[in-house]
Amino acid sequence: MSHTKLFNKLASLAAVGYMSLCSMQASANPTPWLDGTGNWIKNQHNWQFNSAVSDEFNQPGNWQTPDPSKWNRFHPTGWLGNNSFTYNGNFAYTHNGNLVLEARPGNQVGDKHSTGIASSKDRTFKYGYFEVRAKAATNNIASSFWFFNRNPANGEQFEIDVYEHFPYQPWNSHKKFKSNIHHFVWTPEDGNQDQINYYESPVDMPNNGVVTDWHTYGVLREPGGIHFYVDGVNVRTIWKSSVPAASYPGDKEMPVILDILVYDWQTGDNEPAQQRSFYYVDYFRVWN
């Protein structure tokens, strides 16, 4: 066989091998590792990996703007913050293959904190499996992954908080995972009032883990309920049948939000001690 023919043959075999590898990867993508066997907890939906909305945060270079075709660096409603913080788009950037959300105390906007946010651009989500690999900030500032919906007609707000980590709050230790659902109704007399009793439900991290280490967090939103995962372990399920129909957020179309922030009820020792706080997200992946 001539060198030319041998080269062509090897190139052809390499191409076949590459296509086979791609095929294997494509067939693996629709199956996130939820229960330790590579199978869905509930497999009837036939969801597929959605690369159009997923993000590995691997932009070339450092301190880069997150992919502007996928992310905004402001809250979906235009909310700027509260009495303790103001969102600052400059504090959401990619660096070394991660999305970095930064918080800085004081002297950034008055005497408030300035904090980073990334929210899904022109995309809302309903059913599917949503996963991040993330590392929370190492102080009492909220590192969060959540879905949010506001009805502009009446101001009602719905939330699914996959997690809100305050690592060293006495009521929510660094070994606790806290997920929430909310339905807020605003009235002139009482302001925002939560209609459901699911605000504080921390559960133990699997394997005695701490939230300030790297972990994989997932939420499976399907018609029957909302299922929360940490490192492949189902740590909490909220069944639709257990929530009043008018208050259930699981059937709402919602943008996704990744942010770091300070709540206005956090004061004194609860404020971040470091000059800068960092919340890292390695990837955001969607199957729907």
C-alpha atoms as a PDB file:
ATOM      1  CA  MET A   1       0.000   0.000   0.000  1.00  0.00           C
ATOM      2  CA  SER A   2       1.359   3.433  -0.929  1.00  0.00           C
ATOM      3  CA  HIS A   3       2.049   6.043   1.736  1.00  0.00           C
ATOM      4  CA  THR A   4      -0.789   8.146   0.355  1.00  0.00           C
ATOM      5  CA  LYS A   5      -3.301   5.299   0.567  1.00  0.00           C
ATOM      6  CA  LEU A   6      -2.073   4.314   4.036  1.00  0.00           C
ATOM      7  CA  PHE A   7      -2.442   7.892   5.224  1.00  0.00           C
ATOM      8  CA  ASN A   8      -5.972   8.071   3.791  1.00  0.00           C
ATOM      9  CA  LYS A   9      -6.877   4.762   5.410  1.00  0.00           C
ATOM     10  CA  LEU A  10      -5.618   5.873   8.831  1.00  0.00           C
ATOM     11  CA  ALA A  11      -7.396   9.199   8.469  1.00  0.00           C
ATOM     12  CA  SER A  12     -10.618   7.389   7.597  1.00  0.00           C
ATOM     13  CA  LEU A  13     -10.298   5.089  10.618  1.00  0.00           C
ATOM     14  CA  ALA A  14      -9.559   8.054  12.847  1.00  0.00           C
ATOM     15  CA  ALA A  15     -12.659   9.825  11.550  1.00  0.00           C
ATOM     16  CA  VAL A  16     -14.800   6.754  12.231  1.00  0.00           C
ATOM     17  CA  GLY A  17     -13.352   6.529  15.749  1.00  0.00           C
ATOM     18  CA  TYR A  18     -14.014  10.193  16.367  1.00  0.00           C
ATOM     19  CA  MET A  19     -17.600   9.874  15.122  1.00  0.00           C
ATOM     20  CA  SER A  20     -18.109   6.846  17.353  1.00  0.00           C
ATOM     21  CA  LEU A  21     -16.771   8.768  20.331  1.00  0.00           C
ATOM     22  CA  CYS A  22     -19.060  11.696  19.556  1.00  0.00           C
ATOM     23  CA  SER A  23     -21.973   9.303  19.231  1.00  0.00           C
ATOM     24  CA  MET A  24     -21.138   7.794  22.631  1.00  0.00           C
ATOM     25  CA  GLN A  25     -20.915  11.234  24.182  1.00  0.00           C
ATOM     26  CA  ALA A  26     -24.172  12.338  22.566  1.00  0.00           C
ATOM     27  CA  SER A  27     -25.953   9.243  23.843  1.00  0.00           C
ATOM     28  CA  ALA A  28     -24.544   9.825  27.328  1.00  0.00           C
ATOM     29  CA  ASN A  29     -25.456  13.485  27.522  1.00  0.00           C
ATOM     30  CA  PRO A  30     -29.214  12.987  27.980  1.00  0.00           C
ATOM     31  CA  THR A  31     -28.610  10.912  31.136  1.00  0.00           C
ATOM     32  CA  PRO A  32     -27.348  12.940  34.096  1.00  0.00           C
ATOM     33  CA  TRP A  33     -25.961  10.831  36.948  1.00  0.00           C
ATOM     34  CA  LEU A  34     -28.778  11.082  39.465  1.00  0.00           C
ATOM     35  CA  ASP A  35     -29.114   7.798  41.292  1.00  0.00           C
ATOM     36  CA  GLY A  36     -25.644   6.276  41.057  1.00  0.00           C
ATOM     37  CA  THR A  37     -26.515   4.039  38.099  1.00  0.00           C
ATOM     38  CA  GLY A  38     -26.750   6.635  35.332  1.00  0.00           C
ATOM     39  CA  ASN A  39     -30.528   6.272  35.133  1.00  0.00           C
ATOM     40  CA  TRP A  40     -33.238   8.857  35.597  1.00  0.00           C
ATOM     41  CA  ILE A  41     -35.214   8.796  38.817  1.00  0.00           C
ATOM     42  CA  LYS A  42     -38.228   9.232  36.526  1.00  0.00           C
ATOM     43  CA  ASN A  43     -37.515   8.280  32.922  1.00  0.00           C
ATOM     44  CA  GLN A  44     -40.851   8.865  31.236  1.00  0.00           C
ATOM     45  CA  HIS A  45     -40.014  12.384  30.024  1.00  0.00           C
ATOM     46  CA  ASN A  46     -37.219  11.505  27.555  1.00  0.00           C
ATOM     47  CA  TRP A  47     -35.494  14.826  28.208  1.00  0.00           C
ATOM     48  CA  GLN A  48     -32.349  15.556  26.219  1.00  0.00           C
ATOM     49  CA  PHE A  49     -29.211  17.516  27.023  1.00  0.00           C
ATOM     50  CA  ASN A  50     -29.769  21.141  25.944  1.00  0.00           C
ATOM     51  CA  SER A  51     -26.451  22.618  24.832  1.00  0.00           C
ATOM     52  CA  ALA A  52     -28.120  25.839  23.648  1.00  0.00           C
ATOM     53  CA  VAL A  53     -28.827  26.934  27.227  1.00  0.00           C
ATOM     54  CA  SER A  54     -26.138  25.025  29.129  1.00  0.00           C
ATOM     55  CA  ASP A  55     -22.809  26.711  29.808  1.00  0.00           C
ATOM     56  CA  GLU A  56     -19.398  25.380  30.843  1.00  0.00           C
ATOM     57  CA  PHE A  57     -18.107  28.957  31.426  1.00  0.00           C
ATOM     58  CA  ASN A  58     -14.968  28.224  29.421  1.00  0.00           C
ATOM     59  CA  GLN A  59     -14.599  31.564  27.648  1.00  0.00           C
ATOM     60  CA  PRO A  60     -11.013  32.142  26.497  1.00  0.00           C
ATOM     61  CA  GLY A  61      -9.031  34.491  28.697  1.00  0.00           C
ATOM     62  CA  ASN A  62      -9.773  35.567  32.247  1.00  0.00           C
ATOM     63  CA  TRP A  63     -12.110  38.132  33.813  1.00  0.00           C
ATOM     64  CA  GLN A  64     -14.412  37.863  30.797  1.00  0.00           C
ATOM     65  CA  THR A  65     -18.085  38.726  30.381  1.00  0.00           C
ATOM     66  CA  PRO A  66     -20.272  35.571  30.633  1.00  0.00           C
ATOM     67  CA  ASP A  67     -21.649  34.499  27.237  1.00  0.00           C
ATOM     68  CA  PRO A  68     -23.976  37.423  26.382  1.00  0.00           C
ATOM     69  CA  SER A  69     -26.149  35.157  24.242  1.00  0.00           C
ATOM     70  CA  LYS A  70     -27.047  33.173  27.389  1.00  0.00           C
ATOM     71  CA  TRP A  71     -26.695  35.524  30.352  1.00  0.00           C
ATOM     72  CA  ASN A  72     -27.689  38.954  31.573  1.00  0.00           C
ATOM     73  CA  ARG A  73     -25.832  40.537  34.466  1.00  0.00           C
ATOM     74  CA  PHE A  74     -28.916  41.987  36.130  1.00  0.00           C
ATOM     75  CA  HIS A  75     -32.091  40.710  37.784  1.00  0.00           C
ATOM     76  CA  PRO A  76     -34.855  39.636  35.339  1.00  0.00           C
ATOM     77  CA  THR A  77     -37.262  42.219  36.794  1.00  0.00           C
ATOM     78  CA  GLY A  78     -34.709  45.009  36.954  1.00  0.00           C
ATOM     79  CA  TRP A  79     -34.619  44.779  40.778  1.00  0.00           C
ATOM     80  CA  LEU A  80     -31.440  46.538  41.946  1.00  0.00           C
ATOM     81  CA  GLY A  81     -31.131  45.155  45.475  1.00  0.00           C
ATOM     82  CA  ASN A  82     -32.216  45.997  49.016  1.00  0.00           C
ATOM     83  CA  ASN A  83     -31.049  48.025  52.003  1.00  0.00           C
ATOM     84  CA  SER A  84     -27.839  46.003  52.279  1.00  0.00           C
ATOM     85  CA  PHE A  85     -26.662  45.422  48.706  1.00  0.00           C
ATOM     86  CA  THR A  86     -26.862  46.587  45.116  1.00  0.00           C
ATOM     87  CA  TYR A  87     -26.255  44.321  42.119  1.00  0.00           C
ATOM     88  CA  ASN A  88     -23.211  45.255  40.054  1.00  0.00           C
ATOM     89  CA  GLY A  89     -22.855  43.566  36.666  1.00  0.00           C
ATOM     90  CA  ASN A  90     -19.081  43.987  36.748  1.00  0.00           C
ATOM     91  CA  PHE A  91     -18.925  41.509  39.625  1.00  0.00           C
ATOM     92  CA  ALA A  92     -20.097  38.591  37.439  1.00  0.00           C
ATOM     93  CA  TYR A  93     -17.342  37.279  35.171  1.00  0.00           C
ATOM     94  CA  THR A  94     -15.658  34.112  33.948  1.00  0.00           C
ATOM     95  CA  HIS A  95     -12.194  33.210  35.192  1.00  0.00           C
ATOM     96  CA  ASN A  96     -10.206  29.959  34.912  1.00  0.00           C
ATOM     97  CA  GLY A  97     -13.212  28.057  33.556  1.00  0.00           C
ATOM     98  CA  ASN A  98     -15.673  29.203  36.220  1.00  0.00           C
ATOM     99  CA  LEU A  99     -18.395  31.776  36.540  1.00  0.00           C
ATOM    100  CA  VAL A 100     -17.280  33.978  39.429  1.00  0.00           C
ATOM    101  CA  LEU A 101     -19.822  36.016  41.378  1.00  0.00           C
ATOM    102  CA  GLU A 102     -18.104  38.505  43.639  1.00  0.00           C
ATOM    103  CA  ALA A 103     -19.267  40.632  46.575  1.00  0.00           C
ATOM    104  CA  ARG A 104     -17.520  43.649  48.049  1.00  0.00           C
ATOM    105  CA  PRO A 105     -18.580  45.387  51.261  1.00  0.00           C
ATOM    106  CA  GLY A 106     -19.021  49.113  51.659  1.00  0.00           C
ATOM    107  CA  ASN A 107     -17.971  52.158  49.670  1.00  0.00           C
ATOM    108  CA  GLN A 108     -19.119  50.672  46.363  1.00  0.00           C
ATOM    109  CA  VAL A 109     -22.635  52.095  46.338  1.00  0.00           C
ATOM    110  CA  GLY A 110     -22.981  54.283  49.414  1.00  0.00           C
ATOM    111  CA  ASP A 111     -22.379  52.040  52.410  1.00  0.00           C
ATOM    112  CA  LYS A 112     -23.950  48.974  50.807  1.00  0.00           C
ATOM    113  CA  HIS A 113     -22.409  45.800  49.480  1.00  0.00           C
ATOM    114  CA  SER A 114     -22.049  45.398  45.734  1.00  0.00           C
ATOM    115  CA  THR A 115     -22.710  41.880  44.445  1.00  0.00           C
ATOM    116  CA  GLY A 116     -22.644  39.878  41.206  1.00  0.00           C
ATOM    117  CA  ILE A 117     -25.538  38.244  39.359  1.00  0.00           C
ATOM    118  CA  ALA A 118     -26.102  36.203  36.195  1.00  0.00           C
ATOM    119  CA  SER A 119     -29.646  35.514  34.944  1.00  0.00           C
ATOM    120  CA  SER A 120     -30.782  33.576  31.890  1.00  0.00           C
ATOM    121  CA  LYS A 121     -31.217  35.831  28.878  1.00  0.00           C
ATOM    122  CA  ASP A 122     -34.511  35.599  26.957  1.00  0.00           C
ATOM    123  CA  ARG A 123     -35.064  32.086  28.295  1.00  0.00           C
ATOM    124  CA  THR A 124     -37.443  30.667  30.859  1.00  0.00           C
ATOM    125  CA  PHE A 125     -37.647  27.118  32.145  1.00  0.00           C
ATOM    126  CA  LYS A 126     -40.407  24.858  33.374  1.00  0.00           C
ATOM    127  CA  TYR A 127     -39.840  21.105  33.462  1.00  0.00           C
ATOM    128  CA  GLY A 128     -36.425  19.462  33.214  1.00  0.00           C
ATOM    129  CA  TYR A 129     -33.314  18.634  35.167  1.00  0.00           C
ATOM    130  CA  PHE A 130     -31.001  21.547  36.009  1.00  0.00           C
ATOM    131  CA  GLU A 131     -27.541  21.100  37.489  1.00  0.00           C
ATOM    132  CA  VAL A 132     -24.573  23.191  38.600  1.00  0.00           C
ATOM    133  CA  ARG A 133     -21.226  22.342  40.099  1.00  0.00           C
ATOM    134  CA  ALA A 134     -20.497  25.116  42.549  1.00  0.00           C
ATOM    135  CA  LYS A 135     -18.553  26.329  45.579  1.00  0.00           C
ATOM    136  CA  ALA A 136     -20.281  28.760  47.943  1.00  0.00           C
ATOM    137  CA  ALA A 137     -18.589  31.817  49.412  1.00  0.00           C
ATOM    138  CA  THR A 138     -16.842  31.100  52.698  1.00  0.00           C
ATOM    139  CA  ASN A 139     -18.718  33.584  54.872  1.00  0.00           C
ATOM    140  CA  ASN A 140     -22.240  34.640  55.800  1.00  0.00           C
ATOM    141  CA  ILE A 141     -23.329  35.941  52.460  1.00  0.00           C
ATOM    142  CA  ALA A 142     -25.895  34.145  50.317  1.00  0.00           C
ATOM    143  CA  SER A 143     -24.602  32.071  47.396  1.00  0.00           C
ATOM    144  CA  SER A 144     -27.761  31.153  45.487  1.00  0.00           C
ATOM    145  CA  PHE A 145     -29.166  29.167  42.549  1.00  0.00           C
ATOM    146  CA  TRP A 146     -32.858  29.888  41.992  1.00  0.00           C
ATOM    147  CA  PHE A 147     -35.803  30.313  39.628  1.00  0.00           C
ATOM    148  CA  PHE A 148     -38.031  33.381  39.852  1.00  0.00           C
ATOM    149  CA  ASN A 149     -41.365  34.410  38.341  1.00  0.00           C
ATOM    150  CA  ARG A 150     -43.291  37.645  38.848  1.00  0.00           C
ATOM    151  CA  ASN A 151     -46.773  38.199  37.461  1.00  0.00           C
ATOM    152  CA  PRO A 152     -46.706  41.825  36.226  1.00  0.00           C
ATOM    153  CA  ALA A 153     -50.506  41.976  36.234  1.00  0.00           C
ATOM    154  CA  ASN A 154     -50.892  41.511  39.993  1.00  0.00           C
ATOM    155  CA  GLY A 155     -47.340  41.499  41.407  1.00  0.00           C
ATOM    156  CA  GLU A 156     -47.488  37.922  42.698  1.00  0.00           C
ATOM    157  CA  GLN A 157     -44.052  36.313  42.936  1.00  0.00           C
ATOM    158  CA  PHE A 158     -43.063  32.640  42.780  1.00  0.00           C
ATOM    159  CA  GLU A 159     -39.645  31.187  43.567  1.00  0.00           C
ATOM    160  CA  ILE A 160     -37.831  27.873  43.542  1.00  0.00           C
ATOM    161  CA  ASP A 161     -34.594  28.269  45.491  1.00  0.00           C
ATOM    162  CA  VAL A 162     -32.455  25.254  44.663  1.00  0.00           C
ATOM    163  CA  TYR A 163     -30.134  26.460  47.402  1.00  0.00           C
ATOM    164  CA  GLU A 164     -29.289  29.533  49.440  1.00  0.00           C
ATOM    165  CA  HIS A 165     -26.092  28.987  51.391  1.00  0.00           C
ATOM    166  CA  PHE A 166     -25.341  31.055  54.488  1.00  0.00           C
ATOM    167  CA  PRO A 167     -22.543  28.822  55.727  1.00  0.00           C
ATOM    168  CA  TYR A 168     -22.188  30.010  59.334  1.00  0.00           C
ATOM    169  CA  GLN A 169     -25.613  31.278  60.338  1.00  0.00           C
ATOM    170  CA  PRO A 170     -26.546  29.606  63.657  1.00  0.00           C
ATOM    171  CA  TRP A 171     -29.860  28.452  62.168  1.00  0.00           C
ATOM    172  CA  ASN A 172     -28.285  27.101  58.956  1.00  0.00           C
ATOM    173  CA  SER A 173     -24.846  25.637  59.524  1.00  0.00           C
ATOM    174  CA  HIS A 174     -22.143  25.037  56.921  1.00  0.00           C
ATOM    175  CA  LYS A 175     -23.209  21.370  56.894  1.00  0.00           C
ATOM    176  CA  LYS A 176     -26.799  22.130  55.911  1.00  0.00           C
ATOM    177  CA  PHE A 177     -28.395  22.382  52.453  1.00  0.00           C
ATOM    178  CA  LYS A 178     -31.352  24.785  52.391  1.00  0.00           C
ATOM    179  CA  SER A 179     -33.890  24.748  49.560  1.00  0.00           C
ATOM    180  CA  ASN A 180     -37.097  26.775  49.405  1.00  0.00           C
ATOM    181  CA  ILE A 181     -40.243  27.463  47.479  1.00  0.00           C
ATOM    182  CA  HIS A 182     -42.159  30.730  47.821  1.00  0.00           C
ATOM    183  CA  HIS A 183     -45.375  32.385  46.766  1.00  0.00           C
ATOM    184  CA  PHE A 184     -45.443  36.045  47.767  1.00  0.00           C
ATOM    185  CA  VAL A 185     -48.575  38.184  47.628  1.00  0.00           C
ATOM    186  CA  TRP A 186     -48.205  41.931  48.169  1.00  0.00           C
ATOM    187  CA  THR A 187     -50.784  44.111  49.890  1.00  0.00           C
ATOM    188  CA  PRO A 188     -50.530  47.792  50.894  1.00  0.00           C
ATOM    189  CA  GLU A 189     -51.199  46.858  54.501  1.00  0.00           C
ATOM    190  CA  ASP A 190     -48.687  44.031  54.973  1.00  0.00           C
ATOM    191  CA  GLY A 191     -46.238  44.213  52.059  1.00  0.00           C
ATOM    192  CA  ASN A 192     -45.020  40.862  50.707  1.00  0.00           C
ATOM    193  CA  GLN A 193     -46.514  37.899  52.551  1.00  0.00           C
ATOM    194  CA  ASP A 194     -45.407  34.331  51.873  1.00  0.00           C
ATOM    195  CA  GLN A 195     -48.385  32.049  51.319  1.00  0.00           C
ATOM    196  CA  ILE A 196     -46.644  28.731  51.968  1.00  0.00           C
ATOM    197  CA  ASN A 197     -44.652  27.256  54.816  1.00  0.00           C
ATOM    198  CA  TYR A 198     -41.545  26.091  53.016  1.00  0.00           C
ATOM    199  CA  TYR A 199     -39.110  28.889  53.791  1.00  0.00           C
ATOM    200  CA  GLU A 200     -36.666  27.202  56.165  1.00  0.00           C
ATOM    201  CA  SER A 201     -36.069  23.513  55.476  1.00  0.00           C
ATOM    202  CA  PRO A 202     -32.341  22.789  55.831  1.00  0.00           C
ATOM    203  CA  VAL A 203     -31.240  19.166  55.503  1.00  0.00           C
ATOM    204  CA  ASP A 204     -27.873  17.556  56.223  1.00  0.00           C
ATOM    205  CA  MET A 205     -25.314  17.574  53.432  1.00  0.00           C
ATOM    206  CA  PRO A 206     -24.519  14.034  52.196  1.00  0.00           C
ATOM    207  CA  ASN A 207     -21.416  12.359  53.657  1.00  0.00           C
ATOM    208  CA  ASN A 208     -20.979  15.062  56.307  1.00  0.00           C
ATOM    209  CA  GLY A 209     -20.057  17.550  53.567  1.00  0.00           C
ATOM    210  CA  VAL A 210     -19.796  21.315  53.909  1.00  0.00           C
ATOM    211  CA  VAL A 211     -21.292  23.825  51.479  1.00  0.00           C
ATOM    212  CA  THR A 212     -18.036  25.754  51.111  1.00  0.00           C
ATOM    213  CA  ASP A 213     -16.492  22.799  49.232  1.00  0.00           C
ATOM    214  CA  TRP A 214     -17.220  21.973  45.602  1.00  0.00           C
ATOM    215  CA  HIS A 215     -20.479  20.057  45.126  1.00  0.00           C
ATOM    216  CA  THR A 216     -22.858  19.125  42.333  1.00  0.00           C
ATOM    217  CA  TYR A 217     -26.360  20.476  42.926  1.00  0.00           C
ATOM    218  CA  GLY A 218     -29.394  19.528  40.855  1.00  0.00           C
ATOM    219  CA  VAL A 219     -33.123  20.062  40.725  1.00  0.00           C
ATOM    220  CA  LEU A 220     -35.551  17.864  38.823  1.00  0.00           C
ATOM    221  CA  ARG A 221     -38.725  19.780  37.958  1.00  0.00           C
ATOM    222  CA  GLU A 222     -41.408  17.424  36.705  1.00  0.00           C
ATOM    223  CA  PRO A 223     -45.220  17.585  36.737  1.00  0.00           C
ATOM    224  CA  GLY A 224     -45.559  15.705  40.024  1.00  0.00           C
ATOM    225  CA  GLY A 225     -43.044  17.604  42.110  1.00  0.00           C
ATOM    226  CA  ILE A 226     -39.678  19.259  42.629  1.00  0.00           C
ATOM    227  CA  HIS A 227     -36.723  17.025  43.563  1.00  0.00           C
ATOM    228  CA  PHE A 228     -33.456  18.386  44.973  1.00  0.00           C
ATOM    229  CA  TYR A 229     -30.080  16.625  44.670  1.00  0.00           C
ATOM    230  CA  VAL A 230     -26.626  17.068  46.173  1.00  0.00           C
ATOM    231  CA  ASP A 231     -23.807  14.992  44.683  1.00  0.00           C
ATOM    232  CA  GLY A 232     -26.356  12.623  43.167  1.00  0.00           C
ATOM    233  CA  VAL A 233     -28.303  12.124  46.411  1.00  0.00           C
ATOM    234  CA  ASN A 234     -31.984  13.084  46.571  1.00  0.00           C
ATOM    235  CA  VAL A 235     -32.002  15.251  49.711  1.00  0.00           C
ATOM    236  CA  ARG A 236     -35.510  16.690  49.459  1.00  0.00           C
ATOM    237  CA  THR A 237     -38.722  16.368  47.420  1.00  0.00           C
ATOM    238  CA  ILE A 238     -41.655  18.769  47.431  1.00  0.00           C
ATOM    239  CA  TRP A 239     -44.667  17.012  45.950  1.00  0.00           C
ATOM    240  CA  LYS A 240     -47.148  19.145  44.058  1.00  0.00           C
ATOM    241  CA  SER A 241     -49.983  17.475  45.949  1.00  0.00           C
ATOM    242  CA  SER A 242     -48.588  18.814  49.253  1.00  0.00           C
ATOM    243  CA  VAL A 243     -48.818  22.498  48.243  1.00  0.00           C
ATOM    244  CA  PRO A 244     -51.997  24.559  47.715  1.00  0.00           C
ATOM    245  CA  ALA A 245     -52.601  24.699  43.967  1.00  0.00           C
ATOM    246  CA  ALA A 246     -52.603  28.502  43.790  1.00  0.00           C
ATOM    247  CA  SER A 247     -49.220  28.681  45.520  1.00  0.00           C
ATOM    248  CA  TYR A 248     -47.299  25.920  43.732  1.00  0.00           C
ATOM    249  CA  PRO A 249     -44.338  27.321  41.713  1.00  0.00           C
ATOM    250  CA  GLY A 250     -43.276  24.121  39.954  1.00  0.00           C
ATOM    251  CA  ASP A 251     -45.526  24.635  36.921  1.00  0.00           C
ATOM    252  CA  LYS A 252     -44.406  28.227  36.278  1.00  0.00           C
ATOM    253  CA  GLU A 253     -42.106  29.296  33.453  1.00  0.00           C
ATOM    254  CA  MET A 254     -39.132  30.973  35.133  1.00  0.00           C
ATOM    255  CA  PRO A 255     -35.736  32.419  34.276  1.00  0.00           C
ATOM    256  CA  VAL A 256     -32.825  31.003  36.263  1.00  0.00           C
ATOM    257  CA  ILE A 257     -30.651  33.172  38.505  1.00  0.00           C
ATOM    258  CA  LEU A 258     -27.165  32.652  39.951  1.00  0.00           C
ATOM    259  CA  ASP A 259     -26.202  35.383  42.410  1.00  0.00           C
ATOM    260  CA  ILE A 260     -24.412  36.361  45.597  1.00  0.00           C
ATOM    261  CA  LEU A 261     -26.113  38.852  47.897  1.00  0.00           C
ATOM    262  CA  VAL A 262     -26.706  40.168  51.398  1.00  0.00           C
ATOM    263  CA  TYR A 263     -30.180  40.303  52.935  1.00  0.00           C
ATOM    264  CA  ASP A 264     -31.282  43.425  54.754  1.00  0.00           C
ATOM    265  CA  TRP A 265     -31.874  41.433  57.945  1.00  0.00           C
ATOM    266  CA  GLN A 266     -28.183  40.467  58.077  1.00  0.00           C
ATOM    267  CA  THR A 267     -26.227  42.815  60.351  1.00  0.00           C
ATOM    268  CA  GLY A 268     -23.158  42.830  62.538  1.00  0.00           C
ATOM    269  CA  ASP A 269     -21.425  39.443  62.711  1.00  0.00           C
ATOM    270  CA  ASN A 270     -23.460  38.199  59.764  1.00  0.00           C
ATOM    271  CA  GLU A 271     -21.783  40.626  57.384  1.00  0.00           C
ATOM    272  CA  PRO A 272     -18.889  39.232  55.314  1.00  0.00           C
ATOM    273  CA  ALA A 273     -15.535  39.624  57.047  1.00  0.00           C
ATOM    274  CA  GLN A 274     -13.409  39.489  53.892  1.00  0.00           C
ATOM    275  CA  GLN A 275     -12.852  42.488  51.676  1.00  0.00           C
ATOM    276  CA  ARG A 276     -14.025  40.332  48.786  1.00  0.00           C
ATOM    277  CA  SER A 277     -16.262  37.262  48.741  1.00  0.00           C
ATOM    278  CA  PHE A 278     -16.315  34.796  45.836  1.00  0.00           C
ATOM    279  CA  TYR A 279     -18.943  32.273  44.730  1.00  0.00           C
ATOM    280  CA  TYR A 280     -17.779  29.906  41.972  1.00  0.00           C
ATOM    281  CA  VAL A 281     -19.891  27.984  39.443  1.00  0.00           C
ATOM    282  CA  ASP A 282     -18.077  25.471  37.229  1.00  0.00           C
ATOM    283  CA  TYR A 283     -21.018  24.815  34.891  1.00  0.00           C
ATOM    284  CA  PHE A 284     -24.765  25.133  34.383  1.00  0.00           C
ATOM    285  CA  ARG A 285     -26.362  22.167  32.541  1.00  0.00           C
ATOM    286  CA  VAL A 286     -29.924  21.566  31.417  1.00  0.00           C
ATOM    287  CA  TRP A 287     -31.825  18.491  30.268  1.00  0.00           C
ATOM    288  CA  ASN A 288     -35.367  19.246  29.091  1.00  0.00           C
END
